[in-house]
Amino acid sequence: MAGFFSKLFGGGGEKKDNSLETVVEATLNGILENGNFDLSYELNLEKKGDVTDVKIEFSGNDEALLKDYKGQLLDAFQLIIKRVTQHHFADLQTNVIVDCGGYREESEAALIERAEHLKTIAIEQGKSVYYRALPPKERKVVHQYLAQDGRVKSRSLGDGLYKKIKIYPANKPAAQDADMGPADEN
């Protein structure tokens, strides 16, 4: 396995084609082979100004593994590919997106649907409501969605990586309803 990681992050001494596409494909092929995954992928590279989008869509018999546990394996693949591209191409800005069967869109739609429900409650009842503790990337989706409606405001509450989101009417100061109240667990 050490040989595999030295191939990912340098070492071995041999010179090969070092294009972004080649490095990403070699990394994916190595992970899939060493992990005995029954997956294939489609890789798309798209240059948008100074940023290169690296989009990877997995398919195959092991799709359920990627989607299980709230997509943590998808996130792991995304992180590894991002780190490999940063290591090999320090001057290149990349945006890595790894998906499988539309999982990212479904997950985002579920977050937005729940935020819409809580926003409605906050507006109708004129009081603060709380979204369960979420990791940063999911909080970002919720905050961006709620920011589109001037009738409500939102902010993150808590310490650490996972924080609750407080949704409150825009005409009510956030400090006025300072208690944490029960968090919504759905």
N, C-alpha and C. Protein backbone atom coordinates (compact mmCIF):
# COMPACT_ATOMS: atom_id res chain seq x y z
N MET A 1 0.82 -1.19 0.00
CA MET A 1 0.00 0.00 0.00
C MET A 1 0.87 1.26 0.00
N ALA A 2 2.03 1.17 0.64
CA ALA A 2 2.91 2.34 0.66
C ALA A 2 3.31 2.74 -0.75
N GLY A 3 3.49 1.75 -1.62
CA GLY A 3 3.81 2.04 -3.01
C GLY A 3 2.70 2.82 -3.70
N PHE A 4 1.48 2.50 -3.37
CA PHE A 4 0.33 3.20 -3.96
C PHE A 4 0.33 4.67 -3.55
N PHE A 5 0.55 4.94 -2.25
CA PHE A 5 0.55 6.32 -1.79
C PHE A 5 1.75 7.10 -2.31
N SER A 6 2.88 6.43 -2.50
CA SER A 6 4.02 7.15 -3.07
C SER A 6 3.74 7.52 -4.52
N LYS A 7 2.94 6.70 -5.22
CA LYS A 7 2.54 7.05 -6.57
C LYS A 7 1.61 8.26 -6.56
N LEU A 8 0.72 8.31 -5.56
CA LEU A 8 -0.22 9.43 -5.47
C LEU A 8 0.48 10.75 -5.19
N PHE A 9 1.38 10.72 -4.23
CA PHE A 9 1.98 11.96 -3.74
C PHE A 9 3.44 12.13 -4.11
N GLY A 10 3.90 11.40 -5.09
CA GLY A 10 5.27 11.55 -5.53
C GLY A 10 6.13 10.42 -5.03
N GLY A 11 7.30 10.33 -5.55
CA GLY A 11 8.19 9.23 -5.21
C GLY A 11 8.23 8.26 -6.37
N GLY A 12 9.03 7.27 -6.28
CA GLY A 12 9.12 6.30 -7.36
C GLY A 12 10.08 6.75 -8.45
N GLY A 13 10.30 8.05 -8.61
CA GLY A 13 11.30 8.58 -9.51
C GLY A 13 11.01 8.52 -11.00
N GLU A 14 10.04 7.77 -11.46
CA GLU A 14 9.81 7.65 -12.90
C GLU A 14 8.97 8.81 -13.41
N LYS A 15 9.30 9.28 -14.61
CA LYS A 15 8.58 10.39 -15.23
C LYS A 15 7.51 9.83 -16.15
N LYS A 16 6.31 10.33 -16.02
CA LYS A 16 5.19 9.92 -16.85
C LYS A 16 4.44 11.16 -17.30
N ASP A 17 3.37 10.96 -18.06
CA ASP A 17 2.49 12.05 -18.44
C ASP A 17 1.85 12.60 -17.17
N ASN A 18 2.10 13.85 -16.88
CA ASN A 18 1.61 14.45 -15.64
C ASN A 18 0.48 15.44 -15.88
N SER A 19 -0.40 15.15 -16.82
CA SER A 19 -1.55 16.02 -17.02
C SER A 19 -2.53 15.79 -15.88
N LEU A 20 -3.37 16.76 -15.64
CA LEU A 20 -4.38 16.65 -14.58
C LEU A 20 -5.24 15.40 -14.78
N GLU A 21 -5.68 15.19 -15.99
CA GLU A 21 -6.53 14.04 -16.29
C GLU A 21 -5.82 12.72 -15.98
N THR A 22 -4.57 12.61 -16.36
CA THR A 22 -3.81 11.38 -16.13
C THR A 22 -3.62 11.12 -14.64
N VAL A 23 -3.29 12.14 -13.88
CA VAL A 23 -3.06 11.99 -12.44
C VAL A 23 -4.37 11.58 -11.74
N VAL A 24 -5.48 12.23 -12.09
CA VAL A 24 -6.77 11.90 -11.46
C VAL A 24 -7.17 10.48 -11.83
N GLU A 25 -7.03 10.10 -13.09
CA GLU A 25 -7.39 8.74 -13.51
C GLU A 25 -6.53 7.70 -12.81
N ALA A 26 -5.23 7.95 -12.71
CA ALA A 26 -4.33 7.01 -12.04
C ALA A 26 -4.72 6.86 -10.57
N THR A 27 -5.07 7.97 -9.93
CA THR A 27 -5.48 7.92 -8.52
C THR A 27 -6.77 7.13 -8.36
N LEU A 28 -7.76 7.43 -9.19
CA LEU A 28 -9.04 6.72 -9.10
C LEU A 28 -8.86 5.24 -9.39
N ASN A 29 -8.11 4.91 -10.43
CA ASN A 29 -7.90 3.51 -10.77
C ASN A 29 -7.19 2.77 -9.65
N GLY A 30 -6.22 3.41 -9.03
CA GLY A 30 -5.50 2.79 -7.91
C GLY A 30 -6.41 2.54 -6.72
N ILE A 31 -7.23 3.52 -6.38
CA ILE A 31 -8.15 3.37 -5.24
C ILE A 31 -9.17 2.28 -5.52
N LEU A 32 -9.76 2.30 -6.70
CA LEU A 32 -10.78 1.31 -7.04
C LEU A 32 -10.19 -0.10 -7.08
N GLU A 33 -8.98 -0.23 -7.61
CA GLU A 33 -8.33 -1.54 -7.68
C GLU A 33 -7.92 -2.04 -6.30
N ASN A 34 -7.27 -1.19 -5.52
CA ASN A 34 -6.81 -1.60 -4.19
C ASN A 34 -7.95 -1.81 -3.21
N GLY A 35 -9.07 -1.09 -3.42
CA GLY A 35 -10.22 -1.24 -2.54
C GLY A 35 -11.19 -2.31 -3.00
N ASN A 36 -10.88 -2.96 -4.12
CA ASN A 36 -11.75 -3.99 -4.70
C ASN A 36 -13.18 -3.49 -4.91
N PHE A 37 -13.31 -2.25 -5.36
CA PHE A 37 -14.62 -1.68 -5.65
C PHE A 37 -15.10 -2.14 -7.01
N ASP A 38 -16.38 -2.44 -7.11
CA ASP A 38 -17.00 -2.77 -8.39
C ASP A 38 -17.67 -1.50 -8.90
N LEU A 39 -16.83 -0.56 -9.35
CA LEU A 39 -17.30 0.74 -9.80
C LEU A 39 -16.56 1.16 -11.05
N SER A 40 -17.23 1.94 -11.85
CA SER A 40 -16.58 2.62 -12.96
C SER A 40 -16.88 4.11 -12.77
N TYR A 41 -16.21 4.94 -13.54
CA TYR A 41 -16.41 6.38 -13.37
C TYR A 41 -16.34 7.09 -14.71
N GLU A 42 -16.94 8.25 -14.71
CA GLU A 42 -16.84 9.16 -15.85
C GLU A 42 -16.18 10.42 -15.32
N LEU A 43 -15.10 10.83 -15.96
CA LEU A 43 -14.34 12.00 -15.53
C LEU A 43 -14.51 13.12 -16.54
N ASN A 44 -14.90 14.29 -16.06
CA ASN A 44 -15.04 15.47 -16.91
C ASN A 44 -14.22 16.61 -16.32
N LEU A 45 -13.39 17.21 -17.14
CA LEU A 45 -12.61 18.37 -16.74
C LEU A 45 -13.11 19.55 -17.53
N GLU A 46 -13.38 20.65 -16.83
CA GLU A 46 -13.90 21.84 -17.50
C GLU A 46 -13.21 23.06 -16.91
N LYS A 47 -12.59 23.84 -17.77
CA LYS A 47 -11.90 25.05 -17.33
C LYS A 47 -12.86 26.22 -17.36
N LYS A 48 -13.01 26.89 -16.21
CA LYS A 48 -13.86 28.07 -16.09
C LYS A 48 -12.99 29.20 -15.53
N GLY A 49 -12.46 30.00 -16.42
CA GLY A 49 -11.58 31.08 -15.97
C GLY A 49 -10.30 30.50 -15.39
N ASP A 50 -10.00 30.85 -14.15
CA ASP A 50 -8.80 30.37 -13.48
C ASP A 50 -9.01 29.04 -12.76
N VAL A 51 -10.24 28.55 -12.72
CA VAL A 51 -10.57 27.35 -11.97
C VAL A 51 -10.90 26.20 -12.92
N THR A 52 -10.38 25.02 -12.60
CA THR A 52 -10.71 23.82 -13.37
C THR A 52 -11.64 22.96 -12.54
N ASP A 53 -12.83 22.69 -13.08
CA ASP A 53 -13.77 21.80 -12.42
C ASP A 53 -13.42 20.36 -12.76
N VAL A 54 -13.26 19.54 -11.74
CA VAL A 54 -13.00 18.12 -11.90
C VAL A 54 -14.25 17.41 -11.42
N LYS A 55 -15.03 16.88 -12.35
CA LYS A 55 -16.29 16.22 -12.00
C LYS A 55 -16.16 14.72 -12.26
N ILE A 56 -16.48 13.95 -11.22
CA ILE A 56 -16.38 12.50 -11.30
C ILE A 56 -17.74 11.92 -10.94
N GLU A 57 -18.26 11.10 -11.82
CA GLU A 57 -19.55 10.44 -11.60
C GLU A 57 -19.31 8.94 -11.58
N PHE A 58 -19.58 8.32 -10.42
CA PHE A 58 -19.40 6.88 -10.26
C PHE A 58 -20.67 6.13 -10.63
N SER A 59 -20.48 4.90 -11.11
CA SER A 59 -21.59 3.98 -11.34
C SER A 59 -21.07 2.56 -11.18
N GLY A 60 -21.98 1.64 -10.88
CA GLY A 60 -21.58 0.25 -10.74
C GLY A 60 -22.30 -0.43 -9.58
N ASN A 61 -21.91 -1.66 -9.33
CA ASN A 61 -22.58 -2.48 -8.31
C ASN A 61 -22.35 -1.99 -6.88
N ASP A 62 -21.30 -1.24 -6.65
CA ASP A 62 -21.01 -0.76 -5.29
C ASP A 62 -21.49 0.67 -5.03
N GLU A 63 -22.44 1.15 -5.83
CA GLU A 63 -22.97 2.51 -5.63
C GLU A 63 -23.52 2.70 -4.23
N ALA A 64 -24.19 1.68 -3.69
CA ALA A 64 -24.79 1.80 -2.36
C ALA A 64 -23.73 2.11 -1.30
N LEU A 65 -22.53 1.56 -1.46
CA LEU A 65 -21.45 1.84 -0.51
C LEU A 65 -21.08 3.32 -0.51
N LEU A 66 -21.07 3.92 -1.68
CA LEU A 66 -20.71 5.34 -1.78
C LEU A 66 -21.75 6.24 -1.14
N LYS A 67 -23.01 5.85 -1.25
CA LYS A 67 -24.10 6.68 -0.74
C LYS A 67 -24.40 6.43 0.74
N ASP A 68 -23.94 5.31 1.27
CA ASP A 68 -24.24 4.94 2.64
C ASP A 68 -23.58 5.91 3.62
N TYR A 69 -24.10 5.98 4.82
CA TYR A 69 -23.59 6.85 5.89
C TYR A 69 -23.50 8.31 5.42
N LYS A 70 -24.60 8.79 4.84
CA LYS A 70 -24.71 10.18 4.39
C LYS A 70 -23.62 10.58 3.40
N GLY A 71 -23.22 9.64 2.56
CA GLY A 71 -22.26 9.94 1.50
C GLY A 71 -20.84 10.16 1.97
N GLN A 72 -20.46 9.58 3.11
CA GLN A 72 -19.12 9.82 3.63
C GLN A 72 -18.03 9.28 2.72
N LEU A 73 -18.30 8.16 2.04
CA LEU A 73 -17.28 7.63 1.13
C LEU A 73 -17.14 8.53 -0.10
N LEU A 74 -18.24 9.09 -0.57
CA LEU A 74 -18.15 10.08 -1.66
C LEU A 74 -17.29 11.27 -1.22
N ASP A 75 -17.53 11.73 0.00
CA ASP A 75 -16.74 12.85 0.54
C ASP A 75 -15.27 12.48 0.64
N ALA A 76 -14.98 11.23 1.02
CA ALA A 76 -13.59 10.78 1.14
C ALA A 76 -12.91 10.76 -0.23
N PHE A 77 -13.60 10.23 -1.24
CA PHE A 77 -13.05 10.26 -2.60
C PHE A 77 -12.78 11.70 -3.03
N GLN A 78 -13.72 12.57 -2.75
CA GLN A 78 -13.60 13.97 -3.14
C GLN A 78 -12.39 14.61 -2.48
N LEU A 79 -12.19 14.34 -1.18
CA LEU A 79 -11.07 14.90 -0.44
C LEU A 79 -9.74 14.37 -0.98
N ILE A 80 -9.66 13.08 -1.22
CA ILE A 80 -8.41 12.50 -1.73
C ILE A 80 -8.05 13.10 -3.09
N ILE A 81 -9.02 13.18 -3.99
CA ILE A 81 -8.74 13.73 -5.31
C ILE A 81 -8.33 15.20 -5.20
N LYS A 82 -8.99 15.94 -4.33
CA LYS A 82 -8.63 17.35 -4.12
C LYS A 82 -7.19 17.47 -3.62
N ARG A 83 -6.82 16.65 -2.64
CA ARG A 83 -5.46 16.71 -2.09
C ARG A 83 -4.41 16.30 -3.12
N VAL A 84 -4.71 15.28 -3.92
CA VAL A 84 -3.77 14.84 -4.95
C VAL A 84 -3.58 15.94 -5.99
N THR A 85 -4.68 16.58 -6.41
CA THR A 85 -4.54 17.65 -7.40
C THR A 85 -3.78 18.84 -6.81
N GLN A 86 -4.01 19.15 -5.54
CA GLN A 86 -3.28 20.25 -4.90
C GLN A 86 -1.79 19.93 -4.82
N HIS A 87 -1.48 18.67 -4.54
CA HIS A 87 -0.08 18.27 -4.40
C HIS A 87 0.64 18.31 -5.75
N HIS A 88 0.03 17.75 -6.78
CA HIS A 88 0.67 17.66 -8.08
C HIS A 88 0.61 18.97 -8.88
N PHE A 89 -0.41 19.77 -8.62
CA PHE A 89 -0.60 21.00 -9.40
C PHE A 89 -0.85 22.17 -8.44
N ALA A 90 0.17 22.55 -7.72
CA ALA A 90 0.05 23.58 -6.68
C ALA A 90 -0.44 24.92 -7.23
N ASP A 91 -0.10 25.22 -8.48
CA ASP A 91 -0.48 26.51 -9.07
C ASP A 91 -1.85 26.47 -9.73
N LEU A 92 -2.47 25.31 -9.78
CA LEU A 92 -3.76 25.16 -10.44
C LEU A 92 -4.88 25.13 -9.42
N GLN A 93 -5.86 25.97 -9.61
CA GLN A 93 -7.01 26.00 -8.70
C GLN A 93 -8.06 25.03 -9.25
N THR A 94 -8.45 24.04 -8.42
CA THR A 94 -9.42 23.04 -8.86
C THR A 94 -10.63 23.01 -7.94
N ASN A 95 -11.75 22.65 -8.50
CA ASN A 95 -12.98 22.44 -7.76
C ASN A 95 -13.38 20.99 -8.05
N VAL A 96 -13.27 20.12 -7.06
CA VAL A 96 -13.53 18.69 -7.26
C VAL A 96 -14.93 18.35 -6.77
N ILE A 97 -15.70 17.70 -7.63
CA ILE A 97 -17.06 17.27 -7.29
C ILE A 97 -17.19 15.79 -7.64
N VAL A 98 -17.46 14.98 -6.62
CA VAL A 98 -17.63 13.54 -6.81
C VAL A 98 -19.07 13.20 -6.49
N ASP A 99 -19.73 12.49 -7.40
CA ASP A 99 -21.14 12.15 -7.22
C ASP A 99 -21.39 10.72 -7.68
N CYS A 100 -22.55 10.22 -7.33
CA CYS A 100 -22.95 8.87 -7.71
C CYS A 100 -24.47 8.83 -7.80
N GLY A 101 -24.99 8.64 -8.99
CA GLY A 101 -26.43 8.48 -9.17
C GLY A 101 -27.26 9.67 -8.70
N GLY A 102 -26.73 10.88 -8.80
CA GLY A 102 -27.47 12.07 -8.40
C GLY A 102 -27.61 12.24 -6.89
N TYR A 103 -26.75 11.59 -6.11
CA TYR A 103 -26.84 11.65 -4.65
C TYR A 103 -26.72 13.08 -4.13
N ARG A 104 -25.80 13.85 -4.66
CA ARG A 104 -25.58 15.23 -4.18
C ARG A 104 -26.83 16.08 -4.36
N GLU A 105 -27.47 15.98 -5.51
CA GLU A 105 -28.68 16.76 -5.76
C GLU A 105 -29.82 16.33 -4.83
N GLU A 106 -29.98 15.03 -4.63
CA GLU A 106 -31.03 14.53 -3.73
C GLU A 106 -30.81 15.01 -2.31
N SER A 107 -29.57 14.97 -1.86
CA SER A 107 -29.23 15.39 -0.51
C SER A 107 -29.50 16.88 -0.32
N GLU A 108 -29.09 17.67 -1.31
CA GLU A 108 -29.32 19.12 -1.24
C GLU A 108 -30.81 19.45 -1.28
N ALA A 109 -31.56 18.73 -2.09
CA ALA A 109 -33.01 18.96 -2.18
C ALA A 109 -33.69 18.65 -0.85
N ALA A 110 -33.24 17.61 -0.16
CA ALA A 110 -33.82 17.26 1.15
C ALA A 110 -33.52 18.36 2.17
N LEU A 111 -32.30 18.90 2.16
CA LEU A 111 -31.94 19.99 3.07
C LEU A 111 -32.81 21.22 2.81
N ILE A 112 -32.99 21.55 1.54
CA ILE A 112 -33.77 22.72 1.17
C ILE A 112 -35.25 22.53 1.52
N GLU A 113 -35.75 21.32 1.32
CA GLU A 113 -37.16 21.05 1.65
C GLU A 113 -37.40 21.25 3.15
N ARG A 114 -36.49 20.76 3.98
CA ARG A 114 -36.62 20.92 5.43
C ARG A 114 -36.47 22.39 5.82
N ALA A 115 -35.54 23.10 5.19
CA ALA A 115 -35.35 24.53 5.48
C ALA A 115 -36.60 25.32 5.11
N GLU A 116 -37.24 24.97 4.00
CA GLU A 116 -38.48 25.63 3.58
C GLU A 116 -39.57 25.43 4.63
N HIS A 117 -39.68 24.22 5.13
CA HIS A 117 -40.69 23.93 6.16
C HIS A 117 -40.44 24.76 7.42
N LEU A 118 -39.19 24.80 7.87
CA LEU A 118 -38.86 25.57 9.07
C LEU A 118 -39.02 27.07 8.84
N LYS A 119 -38.69 27.53 7.65
CA LYS A 119 -38.86 28.95 7.31
C LYS A 119 -40.34 29.33 7.41
N THR A 120 -41.21 28.48 6.91
CA THR A 120 -42.66 28.72 6.96
C THR A 120 -43.13 28.83 8.41
N ILE A 121 -42.66 27.94 9.26
CA ILE A 121 -43.02 27.98 10.68
C ILE A 121 -42.54 29.29 11.31
N ALA A 122 -41.30 29.68 11.02
CA ALA A 122 -40.75 30.92 11.59
C ALA A 122 -41.57 32.13 11.17
N ILE A 123 -41.99 32.16 9.92
CA ILE A 123 -42.77 33.30 9.41
C ILE A 123 -44.18 33.30 9.99
N GLU A 124 -44.84 32.16 9.95
CA GLU A 124 -46.23 32.07 10.42
C GLU A 124 -46.36 32.31 11.92
N GLN A 125 -45.43 31.77 12.71
CA GLN A 125 -45.51 31.89 14.16
C GLN A 125 -44.73 33.09 14.69
N GLY A 126 -43.93 33.71 13.85
CA GLY A 126 -43.18 34.89 14.27
C GLY A 126 -42.14 34.60 15.33
N LYS A 127 -41.60 33.38 15.34
CA LYS A 127 -40.59 33.05 16.35
C LYS A 127 -39.47 32.21 15.72
N SER A 128 -38.41 32.07 16.49
CA SER A 128 -37.25 31.33 16.01
C SER A 128 -37.51 29.83 16.00
N VAL A 129 -36.95 29.17 15.02
CA VAL A 129 -36.95 27.71 14.96
C VAL A 129 -35.52 27.28 14.71
N TYR A 130 -35.23 26.02 15.00
CA TYR A 130 -33.86 25.52 14.92
C TYR A 130 -33.77 24.30 14.02
N TYR A 131 -32.77 24.31 13.17
CA TYR A 131 -32.45 23.18 12.31
C TYR A 131 -31.41 22.36 13.07
N ARG A 132 -31.49 21.05 12.96
CA ARG A 132 -30.55 20.17 13.67
C ARG A 132 -29.10 20.51 13.33
N ALA A 133 -28.19 20.03 14.12
CA ALA A 133 -26.77 20.28 13.90
C ALA A 133 -26.33 19.68 12.56
N LEU A 134 -25.62 20.49 11.78
CA LEU A 134 -25.17 20.09 10.45
C LEU A 134 -23.69 20.39 10.27
N PRO A 135 -23.03 19.65 9.39
CA PRO A 135 -21.64 19.98 9.05
C PRO A 135 -21.60 21.24 8.18
N PRO A 136 -20.44 21.84 8.03
CA PRO A 136 -20.33 23.13 7.33
C PRO A 136 -20.91 23.16 5.91
N LYS A 137 -20.64 22.16 5.11
CA LYS A 137 -21.11 22.23 3.72
C LYS A 137 -22.63 22.15 3.63
N GLU A 138 -23.28 21.44 4.55
CA GLU A 138 -24.74 21.38 4.56
C GLU A 138 -25.33 22.66 5.11
N ARG A 139 -24.67 23.25 6.11
CA ARG A 139 -25.13 24.55 6.63
C ARG A 139 -25.05 25.61 5.55
N LYS A 140 -24.03 25.55 4.74
CA LYS A 140 -23.87 26.53 3.67
C LYS A 140 -25.05 26.46 2.70
N VAL A 141 -25.48 25.25 2.36
CA VAL A 141 -26.62 25.08 1.46
C VAL A 141 -27.87 25.71 2.07
N VAL A 142 -28.11 25.45 3.36
CA VAL A 142 -29.29 25.98 4.04
C VAL A 142 -29.22 27.50 4.14
N HIS A 143 -28.09 28.03 4.56
CA HIS A 143 -27.95 29.49 4.69
C HIS A 143 -28.13 30.19 3.34
N GLN A 144 -27.54 29.64 2.29
CA GLN A 144 -27.67 30.25 0.97
C GLN A 144 -29.13 30.23 0.49
N TYR A 145 -29.82 29.15 0.77
CA TYR A 145 -31.23 29.06 0.38
C TYR A 145 -32.06 30.09 1.15
N LEU A 146 -31.87 30.16 2.46
CA LEU A 146 -32.66 31.08 3.29
C LEU A 146 -32.33 32.54 2.99
N ALA A 147 -31.11 32.83 2.56
CA ALA A 147 -30.71 34.20 2.25
C ALA A 147 -31.49 34.78 1.07
N GLN A 148 -32.10 33.92 0.27
CA GLN A 148 -32.87 34.37 -0.89
C GLN A 148 -34.22 34.97 -0.49
N ASP A 149 -34.66 34.71 0.74
CA ASP A 149 -35.96 35.22 1.22
C ASP A 149 -35.70 36.28 2.28
N GLY A 150 -36.06 37.51 1.99
CA GLY A 150 -35.83 38.61 2.91
C GLY A 150 -36.69 38.58 4.16
N ARG A 151 -37.66 37.69 4.23
CA ARG A 151 -38.54 37.62 5.40
C ARG A 151 -37.90 36.90 6.58
N VAL A 152 -36.84 36.13 6.33
CA VAL A 152 -36.17 35.39 7.41
C VAL A 152 -34.66 35.61 7.34
N LYS A 153 -34.04 35.35 8.47
CA LYS A 153 -32.58 35.37 8.58
C LYS A 153 -32.16 34.07 9.24
N SER A 154 -30.89 33.74 9.12
CA SER A 154 -30.39 32.52 9.75
C SER A 154 -28.97 32.76 10.25
N ARG A 155 -28.61 31.98 11.23
CA ARG A 155 -27.24 32.01 11.72
C ARG A 155 -26.92 30.68 12.37
N SER A 156 -25.65 30.35 12.40
CA SER A 156 -25.20 29.10 13.00
C SER A 156 -24.94 29.32 14.48
N LEU A 157 -25.31 28.32 15.27
CA LEU A 157 -25.12 28.38 16.73
C LEU A 157 -24.40 27.13 17.20
N GLY A 158 -23.47 27.32 18.11
CA GLY A 158 -22.80 26.18 18.71
C GLY A 158 -21.31 26.23 18.48
N ASP A 159 -20.64 25.24 19.05
CA ASP A 159 -19.19 25.12 18.93
C ASP A 159 -18.86 23.86 18.16
N GLY A 160 -17.69 23.83 17.61
CA GLY A 160 -17.24 22.64 16.91
C GLY A 160 -17.69 22.61 15.45
N LEU A 161 -17.51 21.47 14.85
CA LEU A 161 -17.79 21.31 13.43
C LEU A 161 -19.29 21.31 13.14
N TYR A 162 -20.05 20.60 13.95
CA TYR A 162 -21.49 20.51 13.74
C TYR A 162 -22.19 21.59 14.55
N LYS A 163 -22.97 22.43 13.86
CA LYS A 163 -23.67 23.53 14.53
C LYS A 163 -25.13 23.53 14.11
N LYS A 164 -25.98 24.01 15.01
CA LYS A 164 -27.40 24.17 14.71
C LYS A 164 -27.58 25.45 13.90
N ILE A 165 -28.69 25.53 13.19
CA ILE A 165 -29.02 26.74 12.47
C ILE A 165 -30.28 27.34 13.08
N LYS A 166 -30.18 28.59 13.45
CA LYS A 166 -31.33 29.32 13.98
C LYS A 166 -31.96 30.08 12.81
N ILE A 167 -33.25 29.86 12.61
CA ILE A 167 -34.00 30.55 11.55
C ILE A 167 -35.01 31.44 12.26
N TYR A 168 -35.00 32.74 11.96
CA TYR A 168 -35.88 33.66 12.67
C TYR A 168 -36.40 34.73 11.71
N PRO A 169 -37.57 35.29 12.05
CA PRO A 169 -38.13 36.35 11.20
C PRO A 169 -37.16 37.52 11.09
N ALA A 170 -37.06 38.13 9.93
CA ALA A 170 -36.11 39.21 9.70
C ALA A 170 -36.42 40.45 10.54
N ASN A 171 -37.68 40.65 10.89
CA ASN A 171 -38.04 41.83 11.67
C ASN A 171 -37.83 41.64 13.16
N LYS A 172 -37.33 40.50 13.59
CA LYS A 172 -37.09 40.21 15.00
C LYS A 172 -35.59 40.09 15.23
N PRO A 173 -35.01 40.89 16.11
CA PRO A 173 -33.57 40.81 16.36
C PRO A 173 -33.18 39.43 16.88
N ALA A 174 -32.05 38.94 16.46
CA ALA A 174 -31.58 37.60 16.86
C ALA A 174 -31.36 37.50 18.36
N ALA A 175 -30.87 38.56 18.99
CA ALA A 175 -30.58 38.52 20.41
C ALA A 175 -31.85 38.48 21.26
N GLN A 176 -32.97 38.91 20.70
CA GLN A 176 -34.22 38.94 21.45
C GLN A 176 -34.65 37.53 21.86
N ASP A 177 -34.38 36.56 21.03
CA ASP A 177 -34.78 35.18 21.30
C ASP A 177 -33.51 34.35 21.50
N ALA A 178 -32.74 34.69 22.53
CA ALA A 178 -31.41 34.13 22.71
C ALA A 178 -31.39 32.68 23.18
N ASP A 179 -32.49 32.17 23.74
CA ASP A 179 -32.45 30.80 24.24
C ASP A 179 -32.27 29.82 23.09
N MET A 180 -31.63 28.70 23.37
CA MET A 180 -31.37 27.71 22.33
C MET A 180 -32.62 26.91 21.98
N GLY A 181 -33.51 26.70 22.92
CA GLY A 181 -34.75 25.96 22.62
C GLY A 181 -34.45 24.57 22.12
N PRO A 182 -35.49 23.79 21.92
CA PRO A 182 -35.25 22.44 21.42
C PRO A 182 -34.86 22.47 19.95
N ALA A 183 -33.89 21.65 19.60
CA ALA A 183 -33.45 21.58 18.21
C ALA A 183 -34.39 20.66 17.44
N ASP A 184 -34.57 20.98 16.19
CA ASP A 184 -35.39 20.13 15.34
C ASP A 184 -34.55 18.96 14.87
N GLU A 185 -34.99 17.77 15.08
CA GLU A 185 -34.21 16.58 14.77
C GLU A 185 -34.53 15.99 13.41
N ASN A 186 -35.34 16.60 12.61
CA ASN A 186 -35.66 16.03 11.30
C ASN A 186 -34.86 16.65 10.21
